[in-house]
Amino acid sequence: MFGDILSDEASQITGSIGLLASSSMGSTKCGLYEPIHGSAPDIAGKGIANPIATILSAAMMLRYSFGLEAEADAIEKAVDETLAAGLRTADIAAGGEYLSTTQMTDEIISRL
């Protein structure tokens, strides 16, 4: 519970809870990977959820459970490039135009 509280508070450093990946690890390489915001049922189906935390959770899984460093690096680089291009979802847009969940996902995939 304390870790959950800390991760929610730390999300304010990045500007959005939708940017942070998470894992719960045991003594093996098996883990549970998820965005720190969970499933966000309050915005389900609206096309406004930020997919970045989910995508970065997959990168963490590749790195820590499967030892696929290059693949994890490629995903992280694609996310970084997308954000560097100024593309944003509603939770991190400073006004103006923003992308839907699907559009942001497509932009990240196009950079892989």
PDB file of N, CA and C in Angstrom:
ATOM      1  N   MET A   1       0.817  -1.188   0.000  1.00  0.00           N
ATOM      2  CA  MET A   1       0.000   0.000   0.000  1.00  0.00           C
ATOM      3  C   MET A   1       0.867   1.261   0.000  1.00  0.00           C
ATOM      4  N   PHE A   2       1.937   1.226   0.828  1.00  0.00           N
ATOM      5  CA  PHE A   2       2.812   2.388   0.894  1.00  0.00           C
ATOM      6  C   PHE A   2       3.470   2.658  -0.463  1.00  0.00           C
ATOM      7  N   GLY A   3       3.891   1.587  -1.144  1.00  0.00           N
ATOM      8  CA  GLY A   3       4.484   1.743  -2.468  1.00  0.00           C
ATOM      9  C   GLY A   3       3.506   2.341  -3.452  1.00  0.00           C
ATOM     10  N   ASP A   4       2.248   1.968  -3.357  1.00  0.00           N
ATOM     11  CA  ASP A   4       1.213   2.521  -4.228  1.00  0.00           C
ATOM     12  C   ASP A   4       1.055   4.017  -3.986  1.00  0.00           C
ATOM     13  N   ILE A   5       1.059   4.411  -2.740  1.00  0.00           N
ATOM     14  CA  ILE A   5       0.938   5.832  -2.399  1.00  0.00           C
ATOM     15  C   ILE A   5       2.141   6.600  -2.938  1.00  0.00           C
ATOM     16  N   LEU A   6       3.334   6.057  -2.739  1.00  0.00           N
ATOM     17  CA  LEU A   6       4.536   6.729  -3.235  1.00  0.00           C
ATOM     18  C   LEU A   6       4.526   6.876  -4.754  1.00  0.00           C
ATOM     19  N   SER A   7       4.112   5.834  -5.463  1.00  0.00           N
ATOM     20  CA  SER A   7       4.111   5.917  -6.924  1.00  0.00           C
ATOM     21  C   SER A   7       3.096   6.944  -7.414  1.00  0.00           C
ATOM     22  N   ASP A   8       1.948   7.033  -6.768  1.00  0.00           N
ATOM     23  CA  ASP A   8       0.962   8.046  -7.150  1.00  0.00           C
ATOM     24  C   ASP A   8       1.511   9.455  -6.920  1.00  0.00           C
ATOM     25  N   GLU A   9       2.169   9.648  -5.789  1.00  0.00           N
ATOM     26  CA  GLU A   9       2.748  10.960  -5.499  1.00  0.00           C
ATOM     27  C   GLU A   9       3.888  11.294  -6.468  1.00  0.00           C
ATOM     28  N   ALA A  10       4.718  10.309  -6.775  1.00  0.00           N
ATOM     29  CA  ALA A  10       5.850  10.528  -7.682  1.00  0.00           C
ATOM     30  C   ALA A  10       5.390  10.865  -9.092  1.00  0.00           C
ATOM     31  N   SER A  11       4.191  10.455  -9.454  1.00  0.00           N
ATOM     32  CA  SER A  11       3.703  10.740 -10.808  1.00  0.00           C
ATOM     33  C   SER A  11       3.609  12.239 -11.051  1.00  0.00           C
ATOM     34  N   GLN A  12       3.495  13.018 -10.009  1.00  0.00           N
ATOM     35  CA  GLN A  12       3.396  14.464 -10.177  1.00  0.00           C
ATOM     36  C   GLN A  12       4.704  15.068 -10.675  1.00  0.00           C
ATOM     37  N   ILE A  13       5.805  14.387 -10.455  1.00  0.00           N
ATOM     38  CA  ILE A  13       7.093  14.847 -10.982  1.00  0.00           C
ATOM     39  C   ILE A  13       7.083  14.788 -12.500  1.00  0.00           C
ATOM     40  N   THR A  14       6.475  13.740 -13.062  1.00  0.00           N
ATOM     41  CA  THR A  14       6.435  13.592 -14.515  1.00  0.00           C
ATOM     42  C   THR A  14       5.321  14.413 -15.135  1.00  0.00           C
ATOM     43  N   GLY A  15       4.329  14.796 -14.348  1.00  0.00           N
ATOM     44  CA  GLY A  15       3.231  15.591 -14.862  1.00  0.00           C
ATOM     45  C   GLY A  15       1.960  14.816 -15.097  1.00  0.00           C
ATOM     46  N   SER A  16       2.030  13.505 -15.060  1.00  0.00           N
ATOM     47  CA  SER A  16       0.827  12.707 -15.274  1.00  0.00           C
ATOM     48  C   SER A  16       1.013  11.294 -14.760  1.00  0.00           C
ATOM     49  N   ILE A  17      -0.027  10.777 -14.161  1.00  0.00           N
ATOM     50  CA  ILE A  17      -0.034   9.382 -13.718  1.00  0.00           C
ATOM     51  C   ILE A  17      -0.015   8.440 -14.928  1.00  0.00           C
ATOM     52  N   GLY A  18      -0.389   8.951 -16.100  1.00  0.00           N
ATOM     53  CA  GLY A  18      -0.439   8.152 -17.324  1.00  0.00           C
ATOM     54  C   GLY A  18       0.905   7.870 -17.962  1.00  0.00           C
ATOM     55  N   LEU A  19       1.979   8.335 -17.350  1.00  0.00           N
ATOM     56  CA  LEU A  19       3.317   8.134 -17.921  1.00  0.00           C
ATOM     57  C   LEU A  19       4.149   7.070 -17.216  1.00  0.00           C
ATOM     58  N   LEU A  20       3.682   6.591 -16.063  1.00  0.00           N
ATOM     59  CA  LEU A  20       4.541   5.744 -15.249  1.00  0.00           C
ATOM     60  C   LEU A  20       4.182   4.265 -15.277  1.00  0.00           C
ATOM     61  N   ALA A  21       5.163   3.470 -15.639  1.00  0.00           N
ATOM     62  CA  ALA A  21       5.034   2.016 -15.639  1.00  0.00           C
ATOM     63  C   ALA A  21       5.328   1.495 -14.239  1.00  0.00           C
ATOM     64  N   SER A  22       4.910   0.258 -13.990  1.00  0.00           N
ATOM     65  CA  SER A  22       5.086  -0.323 -12.665  1.00  0.00           C
ATOM     66  C   SER A  22       5.303  -1.824 -12.779  1.00  0.00           C
ATOM     67  N   SER A  23       5.973  -2.365 -11.776  1.00  0.00           N
ATOM     68  CA  SER A  23       6.071  -3.815 -11.680  1.00  0.00           C
ATOM     69  C   SER A  23       6.090  -4.231 -10.223  1.00  0.00           C
ATOM     70  N   SER A  24       5.525  -5.384  -9.977  1.00  0.00           N
ATOM     71  CA  SER A  24       5.595  -6.016  -8.665  1.00  0.00           C
ATOM     72  C   SER A  24       6.392  -7.293  -8.868  1.00  0.00           C
ATOM     73  N   MET A  25       7.570  -7.340  -8.265  1.00  0.00           N
ATOM     74  CA  MET A  25       8.485  -8.449  -8.486  1.00  0.00           C
ATOM     75  C   MET A  25       8.640  -9.282  -7.222  1.00  0.00           C
ATOM     76  N   GLY A  26       8.835 -10.562  -7.434  1.00  0.00           N
ATOM     77  CA  GLY A  26       9.125 -11.465  -6.327  1.00  0.00           C
ATOM     78  C   GLY A  26      10.581 -11.863  -6.371  1.00  0.00           C
ATOM     79  N   SER A  27      10.882 -13.038  -5.925  1.00  0.00           N
ATOM     80  CA  SER A  27      12.260 -13.499  -5.886  1.00  0.00           C
ATOM     81  C   SER A  27      12.708 -14.130  -7.207  1.00  0.00           C
ATOM     82  N   THR A  28      11.787 -14.254  -8.160  1.00  0.00           N
ATOM     83  CA  THR A  28      12.122 -14.797  -9.478  1.00  0.00           C
ATOM     84  C   THR A  28      12.017 -13.695 -10.519  1.00  0.00           C
ATOM     85  N   LYS A  29      12.183 -14.051 -11.769  1.00  0.00           N
ATOM     86  CA  LYS A  29      12.044 -13.072 -12.839  1.00  0.00           C
ATOM     87  C   LYS A  29      10.589 -12.820 -13.217  1.00  0.00           C
ATOM     88  N   CYS A  30       9.684 -13.564 -12.613  1.00  0.00           N
ATOM     89  CA  CYS A  30       8.260 -13.356 -12.881  1.00  0.00           C
ATOM     90  C   CYS A  30       7.803 -12.087 -12.183  1.00  0.00           C
ATOM     91  N   GLY A  31       6.943 -11.353 -12.840  1.00  0.00           N
ATOM     92  CA  GLY A  31       6.434 -10.128 -12.245  1.00  0.00           C
ATOM     93  C   GLY A  31       5.072  -9.784 -12.794  1.00  0.00           C
ATOM     94  N   LEU A  32       4.442  -8.834 -12.151  1.00  0.00           N
ATOM     95  CA  LEU A  32       3.180  -8.287 -12.612  1.00  0.00           C
ATOM     96  C   LEU A  32       3.475  -6.877 -13.089  1.00  0.00           C
ATOM     97  N   TYR A  33       3.217  -6.616 -14.346  1.00  0.00           N
ATOM     98  CA  TYR A  33       3.532  -5.327 -14.953  1.00  0.00           C
ATOM     99  C   TYR A  33       2.243  -4.608 -15.310  1.00  0.00           C
ATOM    100  N   GLU A  34       2.171  -3.333 -14.928  1.00  0.00           N
ATOM    101  CA  GLU A  34       0.974  -2.555 -15.200  1.00  0.00           C
ATOM    102  C   GLU A  34       1.289  -1.068 -15.060  1.00  0.00           C
ATOM    103  N   PRO A  35       0.452  -0.235 -15.662  1.00  0.00           N
ATOM    104  CA  PRO A  35       0.603   1.199 -15.413  1.00  0.00           C
ATOM    105  C   PRO A  35       0.220   1.481 -13.966  1.00  0.00           C
ATOM    106  N   ILE A  36       0.805   2.508 -13.355  1.00  0.00           N
ATOM    107  CA  ILE A  36       0.481   2.756 -11.954  1.00  0.00           C
ATOM    108  C   ILE A  36      -0.963   3.189 -11.763  1.00  0.00           C
ATOM    109  N   HIS A  37      -1.594   3.649 -12.831  1.00  0.00           N
ATOM    110  CA  HIS A  37      -2.982   4.099 -12.701  1.00  0.00           C
ATOM    111  C   HIS A  37      -3.981   2.956 -12.777  1.00  0.00           C
ATOM    112  N   GLY A  38      -3.544   1.744 -13.010  1.00  0.00           N
ATOM    113  CA  GLY A  38      -4.460   0.617 -13.109  1.00  0.00           C
ATOM    114  C   GLY A  38      -5.295   0.694 -14.376  1.00  0.00           C
ATOM    115  N   SER A  39      -6.526   0.246 -14.301  1.00  0.00           N
ATOM    116  CA  SER A  39      -7.359   0.141 -15.503  1.00  0.00           C
ATOM    117  C   SER A  39      -8.104   1.429 -15.851  1.00  0.00           C
ATOM    118  N   ALA A  40      -8.160   2.394 -14.970  1.00  0.00           N
ATOM    119  CA  ALA A  40      -8.824   3.687 -15.198  1.00  0.00           C
ATOM    120  C   ALA A  40     -10.242   3.517 -15.750  1.00  0.00           C
ATOM    121  N   PRO A  41     -11.103   2.802 -15.026  1.00  0.00           N
ATOM    122  CA  PRO A  41     -12.455   2.534 -15.538  1.00  0.00           C
ATOM    123  C   PRO A  41     -13.296   3.792 -15.761  1.00  0.00           C
ATOM    124  N   ASP A  42     -12.958   4.878 -15.086  1.00  0.00           N
ATOM    125  CA  ASP A  42     -13.734   6.106 -15.231  1.00  0.00           C
ATOM    126  C   ASP A  42     -13.588   6.747 -16.612  1.00  0.00           C
ATOM    127  N   ILE A  43     -12.521   6.401 -17.329  1.00  0.00           N
ATOM    128  CA  ILE A  43     -12.335   6.965 -18.667  1.00  0.00           C
ATOM    129  C   ILE A  43     -12.326   5.895 -19.757  1.00  0.00           C
ATOM    130  N   ALA A  44     -12.675   4.672 -19.399  1.00  0.00           N
ATOM    131  CA  ALA A  44     -12.689   3.561 -20.373  1.00  0.00           C
ATOM    132  C   ALA A  44     -13.631   3.877 -21.533  1.00  0.00           C
ATOM    133  N   GLY A  45     -13.161   3.606 -22.738  1.00  0.00           N
ATOM    134  CA  GLY A  45     -13.985   3.771 -23.929  1.00  0.00           C
ATOM    135  C   GLY A  45     -14.111   5.193 -24.436  1.00  0.00           C
ATOM    136  N   LYS A  46     -13.476   6.141 -23.782  1.00  0.00           N
ATOM    137  CA  LYS A  46     -13.580   7.543 -24.196  1.00  0.00           C
ATOM    138  C   LYS A  46     -12.450   7.984 -25.131  1.00  0.00           C
ATOM    139  N   GLY A  47     -11.422   7.135 -25.279  1.00  0.00           N
ATOM    140  CA  GLY A  47     -10.306   7.482 -26.159  1.00  0.00           C
ATOM    141  C   GLY A  47      -9.389   8.555 -25.606  1.00  0.00           C
ATOM    142  N   ILE A  48      -9.419   8.771 -24.293  1.00  0.00           N
ATOM    143  CA  ILE A  48      -8.582   9.819 -23.706  1.00  0.00           C
ATOM    144  C   ILE A  48      -7.504   9.282 -22.769  1.00  0.00           C
ATOM    145  N   ALA A  49      -7.470   7.974 -22.569  1.00  0.00           N
ATOM    146  CA  ALA A  49      -6.445   7.390 -21.693  1.00  0.00           C
ATOM    147  C   ALA A  49      -5.072   7.501 -22.346  1.00  0.00           C
ATOM    148  N   ASN A  50      -4.093   7.792 -21.541  1.00  0.00           N
ATOM    149  CA  ASN A  50      -2.716   7.862 -22.025  1.00  0.00           C
ATOM    150  C   ASN A  50      -2.165   6.430 -22.067  1.00  0.00           C
ATOM    151  N   PRO A  51      -1.752   5.936 -23.251  1.00  0.00           N
ATOM    152  CA  PRO A  51      -1.266   4.567 -23.360  1.00  0.00           C
ATOM    153  C   PRO A  51       0.196   4.381 -22.964  1.00  0.00           C
ATOM    154  N   ILE A  52       0.894   5.457 -22.672  1.00  0.00           N
ATOM    155  CA  ILE A  52       2.345   5.384 -22.469  1.00  0.00           C
ATOM    156  C   ILE A  52       2.726   4.488 -21.289  1.00  0.00           C
ATOM    157  N   ALA A  53       2.037   4.600 -20.165  1.00  0.00           N
ATOM    158  CA  ALA A  53       2.395   3.777 -19.002  1.00  0.00           C
ATOM    159  C   ALA A  53       2.230   2.291 -19.304  1.00  0.00           C
ATOM    160  N   THR A  54       1.186   1.942 -20.047  1.00  0.00           N
ATOM    161  CA  THR A  54       0.978   0.540 -20.421  1.00  0.00           C
ATOM    162  C   THR A  54       2.083   0.069 -21.358  1.00  0.00           C
ATOM    163  N   ILE A  55       2.430   0.897 -22.315  1.00  0.00           N
ATOM    164  CA  ILE A  55       3.485   0.554 -23.279  1.00  0.00           C
ATOM    165  C   ILE A  55       4.833   0.409 -22.560  1.00  0.00           C
ATOM    166  N   LEU A  56       5.122   1.321 -21.645  1.00  0.00           N
ATOM    167  CA  LEU A  56       6.380   1.222 -20.898  1.00  0.00           C
ATOM    168  C   LEU A  56       6.382   0.053 -19.924  1.00  0.00           C
ATOM    169  N   SER A  57       5.214  -0.362 -19.446  1.00  0.00           N
ATOM    170  CA  SER A  57       5.136  -1.565 -18.616  1.00  0.00           C
ATOM    171  C   SER A  57       5.543  -2.794 -19.420  1.00  0.00           C
ATOM    172  N   ALA A  58       5.139  -2.827 -20.682  1.00  0.00           N
ATOM    173  CA  ALA A  58       5.553  -3.928 -21.559  1.00  0.00           C
ATOM    174  C   ALA A  58       7.066  -3.919 -21.761  1.00  0.00           C
ATOM    175  N   ALA A  59       7.645  -2.723 -21.881  1.00  0.00           N
ATOM    176  CA  ALA A  59       9.106  -2.624 -22.011  1.00  0.00           C
ATOM    177  C   ALA A  59       9.793  -3.157 -20.750  1.00  0.00           C
ATOM    178  N   MET A  60       9.240  -2.834 -19.586  1.00  0.00           N
ATOM    179  CA  MET A  60       9.802  -3.361 -18.333  1.00  0.00           C
ATOM    180  C   MET A  60       9.727  -4.884 -18.305  1.00  0.00           C
ATOM    181  N   MET A  61       8.621  -5.452 -18.763  1.00  0.00           N
ATOM    182  CA  MET A  61       8.462  -6.901 -18.790  1.00  0.00           C
ATOM    183  C   MET A  61       9.518  -7.535 -19.697  1.00  0.00           C
ATOM    184  N   LEU A  62       9.723  -6.941 -20.873  1.00  0.00           N
ATOM    185  CA  LEU A  62      10.733  -7.475 -21.781  1.00  0.00           C
ATOM    186  C   LEU A  62      12.112  -7.451 -21.139  1.00  0.00           C
ATOM    187  N   ARG A  63      12.420  -6.362 -20.453  1.00  0.00           N
ATOM    188  CA  ARG A  63      13.741  -6.210 -19.843  1.00  0.00           C
ATOM    189  C   ARG A  63      13.924  -7.123 -18.625  1.00  0.00           C
ATOM    190  N   TYR A  64      13.023  -7.054 -17.676  1.00  0.00           N
ATOM    191  CA  TYR A  64      13.255  -7.710 -16.388  1.00  0.00           C
ATOM    192  C   TYR A  64      12.803  -9.164 -16.319  1.00  0.00           C
ATOM    193  N   SER A  65      11.775  -9.542 -17.059  1.00  0.00           N
ATOM    194  CA  SER A  65      11.333 -10.944 -17.017  1.00  0.00           C
ATOM    195  C   SER A  65      11.938 -11.771 -18.136  1.00  0.00           C
ATOM    196  N   PHE A  66      12.159 -11.144 -19.289  1.00  0.00           N
ATOM    197  CA  PHE A  66      12.631 -11.917 -20.447  1.00  0.00           C
ATOM    198  C   PHE A  66      14.056 -11.596 -20.876  1.00  0.00           C
ATOM    199  N   GLY A  67      14.690 -10.610 -20.250  1.00  0.00           N
ATOM    200  CA  GLY A  67      16.072 -10.280 -20.582  1.00  0.00           C
ATOM    201  C   GLY A  67      16.255  -9.723 -21.992  1.00  0.00           C
ATOM    202  N   LEU A  68      15.227  -9.102 -22.546  1.00  0.00           N
ATOM    203  CA  LEU A  68      15.281  -8.570 -23.909  1.00  0.00           C
ATOM    204  C   LEU A  68      15.567  -7.065 -23.862  1.00  0.00           C
ATOM    205  N   GLU A  69      16.816  -6.738 -23.589  1.00  0.00           N
ATOM    206  CA  GLU A  69      17.240  -5.339 -23.425  1.00  0.00           C
ATOM    207  C   GLU A  69      17.024  -4.501 -24.677  1.00  0.00           C
ATOM    208  N   ALA A  70      17.458  -5.009 -25.829  1.00  0.00           N
ATOM    209  CA  ALA A  70      17.357  -4.230 -27.076  1.00  0.00           C
ATOM    210  C   ALA A  70      15.898  -3.927 -27.410  1.00  0.00           C
ATOM    211  N   GLU A  71      15.031  -4.885 -27.197  1.00  0.00           N
ATOM    212  CA  GLU A  71      13.618  -4.697 -27.494  1.00  0.00           C
ATOM    213  C   GLU A  71      13.003  -3.669 -26.546  1.00  0.00           C
ATOM    214  N   ALA A  72      13.357  -3.749 -25.272  1.00  0.00           N
ATOM    215  CA  ALA A  72      12.872  -2.775 -24.293  1.00  0.00           C
ATOM    216  C   ALA A  72      13.398  -1.382 -24.624  1.00  0.00           C
ATOM    217  N   ASP A  73      14.664  -1.298 -24.985  1.00  0.00           N
ATOM    218  CA  ASP A  73      15.252  -0.016 -25.369  1.00  0.00           C
ATOM    219  C   ASP A  73      14.534   0.582 -26.578  1.00  0.00           C
ATOM    220  N   ALA A  74      14.177  -0.251 -27.543  1.00  0.00           N
ATOM    221  CA  ALA A  74      13.491   0.232 -28.747  1.00  0.00           C
ATOM    222  C   ALA A  74      12.131   0.840 -28.400  1.00  0.00           C
ATOM    223  N   ILE A  75      11.401   0.201 -27.505  1.00  0.00           N
ATOM    224  CA  ILE A  75      10.102   0.728 -27.090  1.00  0.00           C
ATOM    225  C   ILE A  75      10.280   2.051 -26.356  1.00  0.00           C
ATOM    226  N   GLU A  76      11.216   2.098 -25.433  1.00  0.00           N
ATOM    227  CA  GLU A  76      11.457   3.331 -24.671  1.00  0.00           C
ATOM    228  C   GLU A  76      11.899   4.465 -25.588  1.00  0.00           C
ATOM    229  N   LYS A  77      12.713   4.152 -26.565  1.00  0.00           N
ATOM    230  CA  LYS A  77      13.159   5.164 -27.524  1.00  0.00           C
ATOM    231  C   LYS A  77      11.988   5.680 -28.356  1.00  0.00           C
ATOM    232  N   ALA A  78      11.100   4.800 -28.774  1.00  0.00           N
ATOM    233  CA  ALA A  78       9.928   5.205 -29.551  1.00  0.00           C
ATOM    234  C   ALA A  78       9.032   6.131 -28.742  1.00  0.00           C
ATOM    235  N   VAL A  79       8.851   5.838 -27.466  1.00  0.00           N
ATOM    236  CA  VAL A  79       8.063   6.719 -26.592  1.00  0.00           C
ATOM    237  C   VAL A  79       8.750   8.072 -26.459  1.00  0.00           C
ATOM    238  N   ASP A  80      10.061   8.062 -26.195  1.00  0.00           N
ATOM    239  CA  ASP A  80      10.814   9.310 -26.053  1.00  0.00           C
ATOM    240  C   ASP A  80      10.718  10.162 -27.312  1.00  0.00           C
ATOM    241  N   GLU A  81      10.861   9.541 -28.473  1.00  0.00           N
ATOM    242  CA  GLU A  81      10.799  10.277 -29.742  1.00  0.00           C
ATOM    243  C   GLU A  81       9.414  10.872 -29.976  1.00  0.00           C
ATOM    244  N   THR A  82       8.388  10.132 -29.603  1.00  0.00           N
ATOM    245  CA  THR A  82       7.023  10.617 -29.772  1.00  0.00           C
ATOM    246  C   THR A  82       6.784  11.854 -28.913  1.00  0.00           C
ATOM    247  N   LEU A  83       7.209  11.787 -27.662  1.00  0.00           N
ATOM    248  CA  LEU A  83       7.051  12.942 -26.781  1.00  0.00           C
ATOM    249  C   LEU A  83       7.922  14.107 -27.235  1.00  0.00           C
ATOM    250  N   ALA A  84       9.136  13.820 -27.702  1.00  0.00           N
ATOM    251  CA  ALA A  84      10.031  14.877 -28.188  1.00  0.00           C
ATOM    252  C   ALA A  84       9.453  15.585 -29.407  1.00  0.00           C
ATOM    253  N   ALA A  85       8.618  14.879 -30.157  1.00  0.00           N
ATOM    254  CA  ALA A  85       7.966  15.483 -31.322  1.00  0.00           C
ATOM    255  C   ALA A  85       6.808  16.397 -30.913  1.00  0.00           C
ATOM    256  N   GLY A  86       6.542  16.476 -29.615  1.00  0.00           N
ATOM    257  CA  GLY A  86       5.504  17.358 -29.110  1.00  0.00           C
ATOM    258  C   GLY A  86       4.111  16.756 -29.079  1.00  0.00           C
ATOM    259  N   LEU A  87       4.023  15.462 -29.338  1.00  0.00           N
ATOM    260  CA  LEU A  87       2.715  14.810 -29.350  1.00  0.00           C
ATOM    261  C   LEU A  87       2.295  14.497 -27.917  1.00  0.00           C
ATOM    262  N   ARG A  88       1.012  14.737 -27.619  1.00  0.00           N
ATOM    263  CA  ARG A  88       0.518  14.602 -26.256  1.00  0.00           C
ATOM    264  C   ARG A  88      -0.903  14.048 -26.239  1.00  0.00           C
ATOM    265  N   THR A  89      -1.240  13.384 -25.133  1.00  0.00           N
ATOM    266  CA  THR A  89      -2.628  13.018 -24.860  1.00  0.00           C
ATOM    267  C   THR A  89      -3.206  14.109 -23.953  1.00  0.00           C
ATOM    268  N   ALA A  90      -4.510  14.057 -23.724  1.00  0.00           N
ATOM    269  CA  ALA A  90      -5.193  15.124 -22.984  1.00  0.00           C
ATOM    270  C   ALA A  90      -4.614  15.365 -21.588  1.00  0.00           C
ATOM    271  N   ASP A  91      -4.140  14.315 -20.927  1.00  0.00           N
ATOM    272  CA  ASP A  91      -3.638  14.480 -19.558  1.00  0.00           C
ATOM    273  C   ASP A  91      -2.328  15.244 -19.483  1.00  0.00           C
ATOM    274  N   ILE A  92      -1.593  15.326 -20.586  1.00  0.00           N
ATOM    275  CA  ILE A  92      -0.322  16.059 -20.566  1.00  0.00           C
ATOM    276  C   ILE A  92      -0.269  17.192 -21.574  1.00  0.00           C
ATOM    277  N   ALA A  93      -1.391  17.463 -22.232  1.00  0.00           N
ATOM    278  CA  ALA A  93      -1.449  18.582 -23.174  1.00  0.00           C
ATOM    279  C   ALA A  93      -1.580  19.872 -22.375  1.00  0.00           C
ATOM    280  N   ALA A  94      -0.827  20.867 -22.769  1.00  0.00           N
ATOM    281  CA  ALA A  94      -0.889  22.166 -22.094  1.00  0.00           C
ATOM    282  C   ALA A  94      -1.858  23.082 -22.848  1.00  0.00           C
ATOM    283  N   GLY A  95      -2.956  22.507 -23.253  1.00  0.00           N
ATOM    284  CA  GLY A  95      -3.901  23.275 -24.060  1.00  0.00           C
ATOM    285  C   GLY A  95      -3.710  22.935 -25.521  1.00  0.00           C
ATOM    286  N   GLY A  96      -4.624  23.326 -26.318  1.00  0.00           N
ATOM    287  CA  GLY A  96      -4.510  23.071 -27.746  1.00  0.00           C
ATOM    288  C   GLY A  96      -4.904  21.656 -28.107  1.00  0.00           C
ATOM    289  N   GLU A  97      -4.348  21.189 -29.193  1.00  0.00           N
ATOM    290  CA  GLU A  97      -4.726  19.890 -29.744  1.00  0.00           C
ATOM    291  C   GLU A  97      -4.003  18.738 -29.039  1.00  0.00           C
ATOM    292  N   TYR A  98      -4.697  17.627 -28.907  1.00  0.00           N
ATOM    293  CA  TYR A  98      -4.083  16.444 -28.321  1.00  0.00           C
ATOM    294  C   TYR A  98      -4.562  15.204 -29.062  1.00  0.00           C
ATOM    295  N   LEU A  99      -3.818  14.105 -28.880  1.00  0.00           N
ATOM    296  CA  LEU A  99      -4.122  12.850 -29.560  1.00  0.00           C
ATOM    297  C   LEU A  99      -4.991  11.953 -28.701  1.00  0.00           C
ATOM    298  N   SER A 100      -5.759  11.105 -29.368  1.00  0.00           N
ATOM    299  CA  SER A 100      -6.542  10.090 -28.665  1.00  0.00           C
ATOM    300  C   SER A 100      -5.609   8.953 -28.242  1.00  0.00           C
ATOM    301  N   THR A 101      -6.142   8.042 -27.482  1.00  0.00           N
ATOM    302  CA  THR A 101      -5.385   6.865 -27.056  1.00  0.00           C
ATOM    303  C   THR A 101      -4.837   6.114 -28.263  1.00  0.00           C
ATOM    304  N   THR A 102      -5.698   5.857 -29.235  1.00  0.00           N
ATOM    305  CA  THR A 102      -5.300   5.111 -30.435  1.00  0.00           C
ATOM    306  C   THR A 102      -4.280   5.876 -31.264  1.00  0.00           C
ATOM    307  N   GLN A 103      -4.492   7.176 -31.423  1.00  0.00           N
ATOM    308  CA  GLN A 103      -3.546   7.980 -32.200  1.00  0.00           C
ATOM    309  C   GLN A 103      -2.164   7.994 -31.556  1.00  0.00           C
ATOM    310  N   MET A 104      -2.115   8.141 -30.236  1.00  0.00           N
ATOM    311  CA  MET A 104      -0.817   8.143 -29.548  1.00  0.00           C
ATOM    312  C   MET A 104      -0.131   6.794 -29.686  1.00  0.00           C
ATOM    313  N   THR A 105      -0.899   5.737 -29.534  1.00  0.00           N
ATOM    314  CA  THR A 105      -0.343   4.381 -29.699  1.00  0.00           C
ATOM    315  C   THR A 105       0.219   4.210 -31.102  1.00  0.00           C
ATOM    316  N   ASP A 106      -0.534   4.629 -32.102  1.00  0.00           N
ATOM    317  CA  ASP A 106      -0.077   4.528 -33.493  1.00  0.00           C
ATOM    318  C   ASP A 106       1.203   5.329 -33.737  1.00  0.00           C
ATOM    319  N   GLU A 107       1.300   6.506 -33.131  1.00  0.00           N
ATOM    320  CA  GLU A 107       2.513   7.320 -33.287  1.00  0.00           C
ATOM    321  C   GLU A 107       3.725   6.619 -32.681  1.00  0.00           C
ATOM    322  N   ILE A 108       3.546   5.997 -31.536  1.00  0.00           N
ATOM    323  CA  ILE A 108       4.650   5.278 -30.881  1.00  0.00           C
ATOM    324  C   ILE A 108       5.035   4.064 -31.725  1.00  0.00           C
ATOM    325  N   ILE A 109       4.053   3.324 -32.180  1.00  0.00           N
ATOM    326  CA  ILE A 109       4.330   2.141 -33.010  1.00  0.00           C
ATOM    327  C   ILE A 109       5.075   2.540 -34.283  1.00  0.00           C
ATOM    328  N   SER A 110       4.709   3.664 -34.872  1.00  0.00           N
ATOM    329  CA  SER A 110       5.358   4.096 -36.119  1.00  0.00           C
ATOM    330  C   SER A 110       6.835   4.406 -35.922  1.00  0.00           C
ATOM    331  N   ARG A 111       7.252   4.644 -34.694  1.00  0.00           N
ATOM    332  CA  ARG A 111       8.650   4.960 -34.415  1.00  0.00           C
ATOM    333  C   ARG A 111       9.459   3.723 -33.994  1.00  0.00           C
ATOM    334  N   LEU A 112       8.820   2.580 -33.897  1.00  0.00           N
ATOM    335  CA  LEU A 112       9.551   1.356 -33.549  1.00  0.00           C
ATOM    336  C   LEU A 112      10.354   0.830 -34.726  1.00  0.00           C
TER     337      LEU A 112
END
